[in-house]
Amino acid sequence: MKLRWLKLAAWLAAMLALAGSPAIAQPPSAFVDKSAEPSSQISPADLSNVGIEQRLDQHLPLDLQFKDETGKTVKLGDYFHAGRPVILNLVYYTCPMLCGEELAGEASALGVLRFTPGNEYEVVSVSFNPDETPKDAAEKKQVYIARMNEHREHKTDGSGWHFLTGEPANIKQLADAVGFRYRRDPGTRQFIHAAAIMIVTPTGKIAQYYYGVEFSPKDIRLGLIEASQDKIGTIVDQVVLYCYHYDPKTGRYGAVVTNIMRVAGAATIFILGGFLIAMYRRESHSGEKGTGRA
């Protein structure tokens, strides 16, 4: 009888181990705004110096000055607090297409998160168009805070999402620091640029890049927890982070098979140990009853 249970336990362990299959990582999309106006002709030369070059682990110049949506002069470092990572992106508020899609995707993803901007993390959107004003920033903030709240059970006043404008020199310095390359079309006066959000540690070090205009809430959550150095999140989140690692080539979290196997193995030992103990006690109890009847 005991040999039969041991064989069954071994079979269950093998099945659980095989269950740890890797997730398929999707390549980052090359989102570049090339259609500011239908009449504008964009040549390959125009795109040669447009894109995003990852600057992982580089510290941002936190002393750079900007103006927030109220017109107040602020420093980038004002939004970096102990334990709170920052989601950063460069957009421009009068963009006819791509930036609006990026901000909408960001707002939708953040609305799903249980974390709240201003509590567990901060969000900073900076315009790279020096012609834009705090009024432009305030109008866009109102739109995207409303969109974020559409998905939230507990609404937020938006105090944790900051929309900034600035002078050309400060904008350029920040763009260079994060590897954001763009150019202005001299004909339309609009910008050719790419789309991405970045997660930055509480000390101002670039941790991750996510490309495109739609963002995975799961990836953002894991990125924020990892960038916070375990200051936010739960024990379950830590187990998930052990099994999934950020891949800078794809801009996503992918499964680490060996770590999944270890967790599956530990779970298997725990489950099978309890199972075998229960079966042993059951058999012993049955044997005692049989002896009593004899």
C-alpha atoms as a PDB file:
ATOM      1  CA  MET A   1       0.000   0.000   0.000  1.00  0.00           C
ATOM      2  CA  LYS A   2       2.728   2.475   0.969  1.00  0.00           C
ATOM      3  CA  LEU A   3       4.684   1.703  -2.212  1.00  0.00           C
ATOM      4  CA  ARG A   4       1.628   2.583  -4.280  1.00  0.00           C
ATOM      5  CA  TRP A   5       1.322   5.977  -2.571  1.00  0.00           C
ATOM      6  CA  LEU A   6       5.017   6.668  -3.117  1.00  0.00           C
ATOM      7  CA  LYS A   7       4.662   5.958  -6.853  1.00  0.00           C
ATOM      8  CA  LEU A   8       1.644   8.249  -7.032  1.00  0.00           C
ATOM      9  CA  ALA A   9       3.575  10.995  -5.219  1.00  0.00           C
ATOM     10  CA  ALA A  10       6.481  10.692  -7.657  1.00  0.00           C
ATOM     11  CA  TRP A  11       4.085  10.975 -10.615  1.00  0.00           C
ATOM     12  CA  LEU A  12       2.442  14.093  -9.166  1.00  0.00           C
ATOM     13  CA  ALA A  13       5.842  15.706  -8.592  1.00  0.00           C
ATOM     14  CA  ALA A  14       6.787  15.133 -12.225  1.00  0.00           C
ATOM     15  CA  MET A  15       3.514  16.639 -13.458  1.00  0.00           C
ATOM     16  CA  LEU A  16       3.922  19.739 -11.285  1.00  0.00           C
ATOM     17  CA  ALA A  17       7.482  20.247 -12.445  1.00  0.00           C
ATOM     18  CA  LEU A  18       6.411  20.094 -16.086  1.00  0.00           C
ATOM     19  CA  ALA A  19       3.769  22.734 -15.382  1.00  0.00           C
ATOM     20  CA  GLY A  20       6.433  25.464 -15.078  1.00  0.00           C
ATOM     21  CA  SER A  21       6.421  26.494 -18.730  1.00  0.00           C
ATOM     22  CA  PRO A  22       8.005  29.789 -19.898  1.00  0.00           C
ATOM     23  CA  ALA A  23       5.950  32.780 -20.989  1.00  0.00           C
ATOM     24  CA  ILE A  24       6.438  33.979 -24.550  1.00  0.00           C
ATOM     25  CA  ALA A  25       7.918  37.485 -24.630  1.00  0.00           C
ATOM     26  CA  GLN A  26       6.723  39.762 -27.398  1.00  0.00           C
ATOM     27  CA  PRO A  27       9.214  42.078 -29.108  1.00  0.00           C
ATOM     28  CA  PRO A  28       8.822  45.833 -28.499  1.00  0.00           C
ATOM     29  CA  SER A  29       6.843  47.709 -31.119  1.00  0.00           C
ATOM     30  CA  ALA A  30       8.627  50.469 -33.039  1.00  0.00           C
ATOM     31  CA  PHE A  31       6.105  53.240 -32.445  1.00  0.00           C
ATOM     32  CA  VAL A  32       7.316  56.339 -34.239  1.00  0.00           C
ATOM     33  CA  ASP A  33       5.021  59.247 -35.041  1.00  0.00           C
ATOM     34  CA  LYS A  34       5.614  59.827 -38.744  1.00  0.00           C
ATOM     35  CA  SER A  35       2.274  61.247 -39.815  1.00  0.00           C
ATOM     36  CA  ALA A  36       1.959  64.665 -38.267  1.00  0.00           C
ATOM     37  CA  GLU A  37       0.111  65.842 -41.382  1.00  0.00           C
ATOM     38  CA  PRO A  38      -1.025  63.860 -44.430  1.00  0.00           C
ATOM     39  CA  SER A  39       0.816  66.235 -46.737  1.00  0.00           C
ATOM     40  CA  SER A  40       4.159  65.981 -44.969  1.00  0.00           C
ATOM     41  CA  GLN A  41       6.704  63.695 -46.603  1.00  0.00           C
ATOM     42  CA  ILE A  42       8.944  61.843 -44.144  1.00  0.00           C
ATOM     43  CA  SER A  43      12.125  60.426 -45.644  1.00  0.00           C
ATOM     44  CA  PRO A  44      14.348  57.681 -44.186  1.00  0.00           C
ATOM     45  CA  ALA A  45      16.904  60.379 -43.413  1.00  0.00           C
ATOM     46  CA  ASP A  46      14.332  62.097 -41.198  1.00  0.00           C
ATOM     47  CA  LEU A  47      14.076  58.939 -39.073  1.00  0.00           C
ATOM     48  CA  SER A  48      17.806  58.230 -38.866  1.00  0.00           C
ATOM     49  CA  ASN A  49      18.208  59.994 -35.536  1.00  0.00           C
ATOM     50  CA  VAL A  50      14.771  59.314 -34.053  1.00  0.00           C
ATOM     51  CA  GLY A  51      14.168  56.641 -31.449  1.00  0.00           C
ATOM     52  CA  ILE A  52      14.951  55.606 -27.899  1.00  0.00           C
ATOM     53  CA  GLU A  53      18.362  54.425 -26.756  1.00  0.00           C
ATOM     54  CA  GLN A  54      18.113  52.692 -23.401  1.00  0.00           C
ATOM     55  CA  ARG A  55      20.222  54.272 -20.651  1.00  0.00           C
ATOM     56  CA  LEU A  56      19.622  51.714 -17.936  1.00  0.00           C
ATOM     57  CA  ASP A  57      21.183  52.482 -14.529  1.00  0.00           C
ATOM     58  CA  GLN A  58      21.941  56.080 -15.522  1.00  0.00           C
ATOM     59  CA  HIS A  59      21.023  58.742 -12.983  1.00  0.00           C
ATOM     60  CA  LEU A  60      18.735  61.525 -14.117  1.00  0.00           C
ATOM     61  CA  PRO A  61      19.711  65.190 -13.631  1.00  0.00           C
ATOM     62  CA  LEU A  62      17.269  65.816 -10.788  1.00  0.00           C
ATOM     63  CA  ASP A  63      18.191  69.484 -10.453  1.00  0.00           C
ATOM     64  CA  LEU A  64      16.588  70.385 -13.810  1.00  0.00           C
ATOM     65  CA  GLN A  65      13.854  73.006 -13.517  1.00  0.00           C
ATOM     66  CA  PHE A  66      10.428  72.882 -15.163  1.00  0.00           C
ATOM     67  CA  LYS A  67       6.975  74.335 -14.631  1.00  0.00           C
ATOM     68  CA  ASP A  68       4.094  72.184 -13.474  1.00  0.00           C
ATOM     69  CA  GLU A  69       0.517  72.386 -14.708  1.00  0.00           C
ATOM     70  CA  THR A  70      -0.228  75.244 -12.261  1.00  0.00           C
ATOM     71  CA  GLY A  71       2.684  77.345 -13.522  1.00  0.00           C
ATOM     72  CA  LYS A  72       4.802  76.725 -10.430  1.00  0.00           C
ATOM     73  CA  THR A  73       8.564  76.333 -10.952  1.00  0.00           C
ATOM     74  CA  VAL A  74       9.650  72.880  -9.794  1.00  0.00           C
ATOM     75  CA  LYS A  75      12.699  70.652  -9.919  1.00  0.00           C
ATOM     76  CA  LEU A  76      12.572  67.167 -11.360  1.00  0.00           C
ATOM     77  CA  GLY A  77      13.919  65.913  -8.043  1.00  0.00           C
ATOM     78  CA  ASP A  78      10.816  67.225  -6.235  1.00  0.00           C
ATOM     79  CA  TYR A  79       8.985  64.093  -7.381  1.00  0.00           C
ATOM     80  CA  PHE A  80      11.508  61.596  -6.070  1.00  0.00           C
ATOM     81  CA  HIS A  81      10.830  60.373  -2.537  1.00  0.00           C
ATOM     82  CA  ALA A  82      12.220  57.527  -0.431  1.00  0.00           C
ATOM     83  CA  GLY A  83      10.625  54.237  -1.424  1.00  0.00           C
ATOM     84  CA  ARG A  84       8.577  55.724  -4.283  1.00  0.00           C
ATOM     85  CA  PRO A  85       9.580  54.895  -7.871  1.00  0.00           C
ATOM     86  CA  VAL A  86       8.612  57.250 -10.689  1.00  0.00           C
ATOM     87  CA  ILE A  87       6.991  56.541 -14.054  1.00  0.00           C
ATOM     88  CA  LEU A  88       8.453  59.053 -16.522  1.00  0.00           C
ATOM     89  CA  ASN A  89       7.605  59.781 -20.136  1.00  0.00           C
ATOM     90  CA  LEU A  90       8.352  62.499 -22.682  1.00  0.00           C
ATOM     91  CA  VAL A  91       5.417  63.635 -24.812  1.00  0.00           C
ATOM     92  CA  TYR A  92       3.995  66.863 -26.133  1.00  0.00           C
ATOM     93  CA  TYR A  93       0.491  67.960 -25.362  1.00  0.00           C
ATOM     94  CA  THR A  94      -0.492  69.343 -28.779  1.00  0.00           C
ATOM     95  CA  CYS A  95       0.663  66.192 -30.582  1.00  0.00           C
ATOM     96  CA  PRO A  96      -1.944  65.275 -33.222  1.00  0.00           C
ATOM     97  CA  MET A  97      -1.720  61.514 -32.776  1.00  0.00           C
ATOM     98  CA  LEU A  98       0.913  59.404 -31.000  1.00  0.00           C
ATOM     99  CA  CYS A  99       1.297  61.219 -27.678  1.00  0.00           C
ATOM    100  CA  GLY A 100      -2.439  61.169 -27.080  1.00  0.00           C
ATOM    101  CA  GLU A 101      -2.490  57.426 -27.684  1.00  0.00           C
ATOM    102  CA  GLU A 102       0.482  56.937 -25.361  1.00  0.00           C
ATOM    103  CA  LEU A 103      -1.052  58.991 -22.546  1.00  0.00           C
ATOM    104  CA  ALA A 104      -4.404  57.240 -22.985  1.00  0.00           C
ATOM    105  CA  GLY A 105      -2.731  53.825 -22.799  1.00  0.00           C
ATOM    106  CA  GLU A 106      -0.768  54.905 -19.756  1.00  0.00           C
ATOM    107  CA  ALA A 107      -3.889  56.236 -18.013  1.00  0.00           C
ATOM    108  CA  SER A 108      -5.808  53.008 -18.708  1.00  0.00           C
ATOM    109  CA  ALA A 109      -2.983  50.829 -17.349  1.00  0.00           C
ATOM    110  CA  LEU A 110      -2.540  52.955 -14.232  1.00  0.00           C
ATOM    111  CA  GLY A 111      -6.275  52.873 -13.618  1.00  0.00           C
ATOM    112  CA  VAL A 112      -6.121  49.091 -13.278  1.00  0.00           C
ATOM    113  CA  LEU A 113      -3.260  49.137 -10.753  1.00  0.00           C
ATOM    114  CA  ARG A 114      -4.105  48.848  -7.089  1.00  0.00           C
ATOM    115  CA  PHE A 115      -1.230  51.221  -6.389  1.00  0.00           C
ATOM    116  CA  THR A 116      -2.182  54.905  -6.314  1.00  0.00           C
ATOM    117  CA  PRO A 117      -0.111  57.728  -7.836  1.00  0.00           C
ATOM    118  CA  GLY A 118       1.117  59.915  -5.015  1.00  0.00           C
ATOM    119  CA  ASN A 119       1.094  57.058  -2.490  1.00  0.00           C
ATOM    120  CA  GLU A 120       3.201  54.137  -3.731  1.00  0.00           C
ATOM    121  CA  TYR A 121       4.669  55.905  -6.774  1.00  0.00           C
ATOM    122  CA  GLU A 122       4.717  59.138  -8.781  1.00  0.00           C
ATOM    123  CA  VAL A 123       4.047  59.798 -12.470  1.00  0.00           C
ATOM    124  CA  VAL A 124       5.829  62.579 -14.375  1.00  0.00           C
ATOM    125  CA  SER A 125       5.016  63.521 -17.976  1.00  0.00           C
ATOM    126  CA  VAL A 126       7.324  66.128 -19.505  1.00  0.00           C
ATOM    127  CA  SER A 127       6.619  68.013 -22.728  1.00  0.00           C
ATOM    128  CA  PHE A 128       9.538  68.136 -25.134  1.00  0.00           C
ATOM    129  CA  ASN A 129       7.873  70.977 -27.062  1.00  0.00           C
ATOM    130  CA  PRO A 130       9.302  74.220 -25.612  1.00  0.00           C
ATOM    131  CA  ASP A 131       6.407  76.203 -27.105  1.00  0.00           C
ATOM    132  CA  GLU A 132       3.876  74.575 -24.798  1.00  0.00           C
ATOM    133  CA  THR A 133       2.643  76.212 -21.611  1.00  0.00           C
ATOM    134  CA  PRO A 134       1.310  75.173 -18.199  1.00  0.00           C
ATOM    135  CA  LYS A 135      -2.165  75.791 -19.600  1.00  0.00           C
ATOM    136  CA  ASP A 136      -1.589  73.072 -22.217  1.00  0.00           C
ATOM    137  CA  ALA A 137      -0.343  70.776 -19.464  1.00  0.00           C
ATOM    138  CA  ALA A 138      -3.341  71.482 -17.204  1.00  0.00           C
ATOM    139  CA  GLU A 139      -5.828  70.729 -19.982  1.00  0.00           C
ATOM    140  CA  LYS A 140      -4.219  67.383 -20.774  1.00  0.00           C
ATOM    141  CA  LYS A 141      -3.917  66.472 -17.107  1.00  0.00           C
ATOM    142  CA  GLN A 142      -7.647  66.904 -16.661  1.00  0.00           C
ATOM    143  CA  VAL A 143      -8.344  64.611 -19.624  1.00  0.00           C
ATOM    144  CA  TYR A 144      -6.060  61.764 -18.597  1.00  0.00           C
ATOM    145  CA  ILE A 145      -6.782  61.842 -14.879  1.00  0.00           C
ATOM    146  CA  ALA A 146     -10.461  61.442 -15.820  1.00  0.00           C
ATOM    147  CA  ARG A 147      -9.551  58.508 -18.075  1.00  0.00           C
ATOM    148  CA  MET A 148      -7.495  56.877 -15.313  1.00  0.00           C
ATOM    149  CA  ASN A 149     -10.373  57.259 -12.845  1.00  0.00           C
ATOM    150  CA  GLU A 150     -12.729  55.483 -15.246  1.00  0.00           C
ATOM    151  CA  HIS A 151     -10.938  52.258 -14.343  1.00  0.00           C
ATOM    152  CA  ARG A 152     -10.427  52.904 -10.625  1.00  0.00           C
ATOM    153  CA  GLU A 153     -12.717  51.806  -7.816  1.00  0.00           C
ATOM    154  CA  HIS A 154     -11.276  54.516  -5.567  1.00  0.00           C
ATOM    155  CA  LYS A 155     -10.913  57.759  -7.501  1.00  0.00           C
ATOM    156  CA  THR A 156      -7.832  59.952  -7.247  1.00  0.00           C
ATOM    157  CA  ASP A 157      -7.521  63.711  -7.516  1.00  0.00           C
ATOM    158  CA  GLY A 158      -4.491  63.292  -9.769  1.00  0.00           C
ATOM    159  CA  SER A 159      -2.032  64.939  -7.391  1.00  0.00           C
ATOM    160  CA  GLY A 160       0.427  62.102  -8.002  1.00  0.00           C
ATOM    161  CA  TRP A 161       0.564  62.593 -11.804  1.00  0.00           C
ATOM    162  CA  HIS A 162       2.497  65.702 -12.811  1.00  0.00           C
ATOM    163  CA  PHE A 163       2.427  67.360 -16.256  1.00  0.00           C
ATOM    164  CA  LEU A 164       5.463  69.566 -16.856  1.00  0.00           C
ATOM    165  CA  THR A 165       6.692  72.049 -19.458  1.00  0.00           C
ATOM    166  CA  GLY A 166      10.147  73.600 -19.710  1.00  0.00           C
ATOM    167  CA  GLU A 167      12.868  75.543 -21.450  1.00  0.00           C
ATOM    168  CA  PRO A 168      14.700  74.042 -24.466  1.00  0.00           C
ATOM    169  CA  ALA A 169      18.015  73.493 -22.631  1.00  0.00           C
ATOM    170  CA  ASN A 170      16.420  71.593 -19.748  1.00  0.00           C
ATOM    171  CA  ILE A 171      14.223  69.551 -22.077  1.00  0.00           C
ATOM    172  CA  LYS A 172      17.244  68.564 -24.173  1.00  0.00           C
ATOM    173  CA  GLN A 173      19.275  67.595 -21.113  1.00  0.00           C
ATOM    174  CA  LEU A 174      16.510  65.331 -19.827  1.00  0.00           C
ATOM    175  CA  ALA A 175      15.907  63.810 -23.279  1.00  0.00           C
ATOM    176  CA  ASP A 176      19.633  63.086 -23.646  1.00  0.00           C
ATOM    177  CA  ALA A 177      19.740  61.502 -20.190  1.00  0.00           C
ATOM    178  CA  VAL A 178      16.967  59.005 -21.023  1.00  0.00           C
ATOM    179  CA  GLY A 179      18.104  58.427 -24.632  1.00  0.00           C
ATOM    180  CA  PHE A 180      14.982  59.987 -26.173  1.00  0.00           C
ATOM    181  CA  ARG A 181      15.852  61.195 -29.706  1.00  0.00           C
ATOM    182  CA  TYR A 182      13.392  63.265 -31.724  1.00  0.00           C
ATOM    183  CA  ARG A 183      13.359  65.995 -34.332  1.00  0.00           C
ATOM    184  CA  ARG A 184      11.066  68.771 -35.464  1.00  0.00           C
ATOM    185  CA  ASP A 185       9.697  68.826 -38.983  1.00  0.00           C
ATOM    186  CA  PRO A 186      10.572  72.329 -40.263  1.00  0.00           C
ATOM    187  CA  GLY A 187       7.572  72.327 -42.579  1.00  0.00           C
ATOM    188  CA  THR A 188       4.786  71.326 -40.180  1.00  0.00           C
ATOM    189  CA  ARG A 189       6.549  72.411 -36.950  1.00  0.00           C
ATOM    190  CA  GLN A 190       5.436  69.124 -35.450  1.00  0.00           C
ATOM    191  CA  PHE A 191       7.702  66.440 -34.035  1.00  0.00           C
ATOM    192  CA  ILE A 192       8.908  63.067 -35.257  1.00  0.00           C
ATOM    193  CA  HIS A 193       9.415  60.898 -32.188  1.00  0.00           C
ATOM    194  CA  ALA A 194       8.989  57.470 -30.608  1.00  0.00           C
ATOM    195  CA  ALA A 195       6.790  56.364 -27.707  1.00  0.00           C
ATOM    196  CA  ALA A 196       7.731  54.773 -24.393  1.00  0.00           C
ATOM    197  CA  ILE A 197       7.419  55.115 -20.652  1.00  0.00           C
ATOM    198  CA  MET A 198      10.281  54.609 -18.220  1.00  0.00           C
ATOM    199  CA  ILE A 199      10.392  53.435 -14.619  1.00  0.00           C
ATOM    200  CA  VAL A 200      12.935  55.253 -12.449  1.00  0.00           C
ATOM    201  CA  THR A 201      14.091  54.299  -8.958  1.00  0.00           C
ATOM    202  CA  PRO A 202      13.475  56.604  -5.968  1.00  0.00           C
ATOM    203  CA  THR A 203      17.093  57.756  -6.257  1.00  0.00           C
ATOM    204  CA  GLY A 204      16.639  58.806  -9.887  1.00  0.00           C
ATOM    205  CA  LYS A 205      18.253  55.835 -11.650  1.00  0.00           C
ATOM    206  CA  ILE A 206      16.607  54.539 -14.852  1.00  0.00           C
ATOM    207  CA  ALA A 207      15.394  50.986 -14.263  1.00  0.00           C
ATOM    208  CA  GLN A 208      13.152  49.963 -17.180  1.00  0.00           C
ATOM    209  CA  TYR A 209      11.649  51.012 -20.520  1.00  0.00           C
ATOM    210  CA  TYR A 210       8.244  49.993 -21.886  1.00  0.00           C
ATOM    211  CA  TYR A 211       7.606  50.751 -25.552  1.00  0.00           C
ATOM    212  CA  GLY A 212       4.452  51.609 -27.448  1.00  0.00           C
ATOM    213  CA  VAL A 213       1.060  53.075 -26.609  1.00  0.00           C
ATOM    214  CA  GLU A 214      -0.475  50.172 -24.695  1.00  0.00           C
ATOM    215  CA  PHE A 215       1.116  48.975 -21.479  1.00  0.00           C
ATOM    216  CA  SER A 216       0.701  45.822 -19.420  1.00  0.00           C
ATOM    217  CA  PRO A 217      -0.519  46.635 -15.879  1.00  0.00           C
ATOM    218  CA  LYS A 218       1.196  43.458 -14.678  1.00  0.00           C
ATOM    219  CA  ASP A 219       4.556  44.545 -16.097  1.00  0.00           C
ATOM    220  CA  ILE A 220       4.176  48.047 -14.676  1.00  0.00           C
ATOM    221  CA  ARG A 221       3.279  46.654 -11.250  1.00  0.00           C
ATOM    222  CA  LEU A 222       6.286  44.332 -11.214  1.00  0.00           C
ATOM    223  CA  GLY A 223       8.525  47.129 -12.489  1.00  0.00           C
ATOM    224  CA  LEU A 224       7.389  49.492  -9.742  1.00  0.00           C
ATOM    225  CA  ILE A 225       7.892  46.860  -7.051  1.00  0.00           C
ATOM    226  CA  GLU A 226      11.359  46.005  -8.326  1.00  0.00           C
ATOM    227  CA  ALA A 227      12.374  49.667  -8.675  1.00  0.00           C
ATOM    228  CA  SER A 228      11.124  50.425  -5.162  1.00  0.00           C
ATOM    229  CA  GLN A 229      13.609  47.879  -3.780  1.00  0.00           C
ATOM    230  CA  ASP A 230      10.814  45.906  -2.090  1.00  0.00           C
ATOM    231  CA  LYS A 231       9.329  48.960  -0.354  1.00  0.00           C
ATOM    232  CA  ILE A 232       5.924  48.300  -1.949  1.00  0.00           C
ATOM    233  CA  GLY A 233       4.068  45.118  -2.899  1.00  0.00           C
ATOM    234  CA  THR A 234       3.277  41.868  -1.105  1.00  0.00           C
ATOM    235  CA  ILE A 235       4.978  38.538  -0.439  1.00  0.00           C
ATOM    236  CA  VAL A 236       3.098  37.107  -3.418  1.00  0.00           C
ATOM    237  CA  ASP A 237       4.588  39.862  -5.608  1.00  0.00           C
ATOM    238  CA  GLN A 238       8.066  38.886  -4.425  1.00  0.00           C
ATOM    239  CA  VAL A 239       7.452  35.261  -5.435  1.00  0.00           C
ATOM    240  CA  VAL A 240       6.244  36.396  -8.868  1.00  0.00           C
ATOM    241  CA  LEU A 241       9.320  38.621  -9.264  1.00  0.00           C
ATOM    242  CA  TYR A 242      11.495  35.624  -8.424  1.00  0.00           C
ATOM    243  CA  CYS A 243       9.887  33.743 -11.313  1.00  0.00           C
ATOM    244  CA  TYR A 244       9.799  36.628 -13.834  1.00  0.00           C
ATOM    245  CA  HIS A 245      12.656  38.930 -14.776  1.00  0.00           C
ATOM    246  CA  TYR A 246      12.618  42.115 -16.831  1.00  0.00           C
ATOM    247  CA  ASP A 247      14.181  41.741 -20.291  1.00  0.00           C
ATOM    248  CA  PRO A 248      15.488  45.096 -21.603  1.00  0.00           C
ATOM    249  CA  LYS A 249      15.534  43.735 -25.174  1.00  0.00           C
ATOM    250  CA  THR A 250      11.786  43.205 -25.219  1.00  0.00           C
ATOM    251  CA  GLY A 251      10.777  45.767 -22.619  1.00  0.00           C
ATOM    252  CA  ARG A 252       8.706  43.087 -20.853  1.00  0.00           C
ATOM    253  CA  TYR A 253       8.848  40.590 -18.035  1.00  0.00           C
ATOM    254  CA  GLY A 254       9.549  37.022 -19.085  1.00  0.00           C
ATOM    255  CA  ALA A 255       9.497  33.731 -17.206  1.00  0.00           C
ATOM    256  CA  VAL A 256      12.715  32.349 -15.742  1.00  0.00           C
ATOM    257  CA  VAL A 257      12.240  28.597 -16.116  1.00  0.00           C
ATOM    258  CA  THR A 258      14.824  27.557 -13.530  1.00  0.00           C
ATOM    259  CA  ASN A 259      13.265  29.759 -10.858  1.00  0.00           C
ATOM    260  CA  ILE A 260       9.772  28.550 -11.713  1.00  0.00           C
ATOM    261  CA  MET A 261      11.007  24.972 -11.409  1.00  0.00           C
ATOM    262  CA  ARG A 262      12.458  25.751  -7.981  1.00  0.00           C
ATOM    263  CA  VAL A 263       9.218  27.288  -6.762  1.00  0.00           C
ATOM    264  CA  ALA A 264       7.233  24.403  -8.283  1.00  0.00           C
ATOM    265  CA  GLY A 265       9.600  21.954  -6.642  1.00  0.00           C
ATOM    266  CA  ALA A 266       9.226  23.584  -3.241  1.00  0.00           C
ATOM    267  CA  ALA A 267       5.454  23.630  -3.638  1.00  0.00           C
ATOM    268  CA  THR A 268       5.534  19.986  -4.732  1.00  0.00           C
ATOM    269  CA  ILE A 269       7.499  18.924  -1.668  1.00  0.00           C
ATOM    270  CA  PHE A 270       5.119  20.825   0.596  1.00  0.00           C
ATOM    271  CA  ILE A 271       1.974  19.439  -1.050  1.00  0.00           C
ATOM    272  CA  LEU A 272       3.227  15.874  -1.339  1.00  0.00           C
ATOM    273  CA  GLY A 273       4.611  15.914   2.196  1.00  0.00           C
ATOM    274  CA  GLY A 274       1.187  16.836   3.529  1.00  0.00           C
ATOM    275  CA  PHE A 275      -0.460  14.313   1.218  1.00  0.00           C
ATOM    276  CA  LEU A 276       1.786  11.434   2.349  1.00  0.00           C
ATOM    277  CA  ILE A 277       1.398  12.314   6.018  1.00  0.00           C
ATOM    278  CA  ALA A 278      -2.382  12.354   5.638  1.00  0.00           C
ATOM    279  CA  MET A 279      -2.368   9.009   3.831  1.00  0.00           C
ATOM    280  CA  TYR A 280      -0.041   7.463   6.422  1.00  0.00           C
ATOM    281  CA  ARG A 281      -2.273   8.606   9.263  1.00  0.00           C
ATOM    282  CA  ARG A 282      -5.324   7.320   7.447  1.00  0.00           C
ATOM    283  CA  GLU A 283      -3.768   3.875   6.938  1.00  0.00           C
ATOM    284  CA  SER A 284      -2.549   3.735  10.529  1.00  0.00           C
ATOM    285  CA  HIS A 285      -6.015   4.674  11.767  1.00  0.00           C
ATOM    286  CA  SER A 286      -7.583   1.982   9.564  1.00  0.00           C
ATOM    287  CA  GLY A 287      -5.091  -0.604  10.872  1.00  0.00           C
ATOM    288  CA  GLU A 288      -5.924   0.248  14.469  1.00  0.00           C
ATOM    289  CA  LYS A 289      -9.622  -0.192  13.771  1.00  0.00           C
ATOM    290  CA  GLY A 290      -8.970  -3.574  12.114  1.00  0.00           C
ATOM    291  CA  THR A 291      -6.944  -4.746  15.127  1.00  0.00           C
ATOM    292  CA  GLY A 292      -9.719  -3.726  17.466  1.00  0.00           C
ATOM    293  CA  ARG A 293     -12.314  -5.737  15.570  1.00  0.00           C
ATOM    294  CA  ALA A 294     -10.068  -8.848  15.657  1.00  0.00           C
END
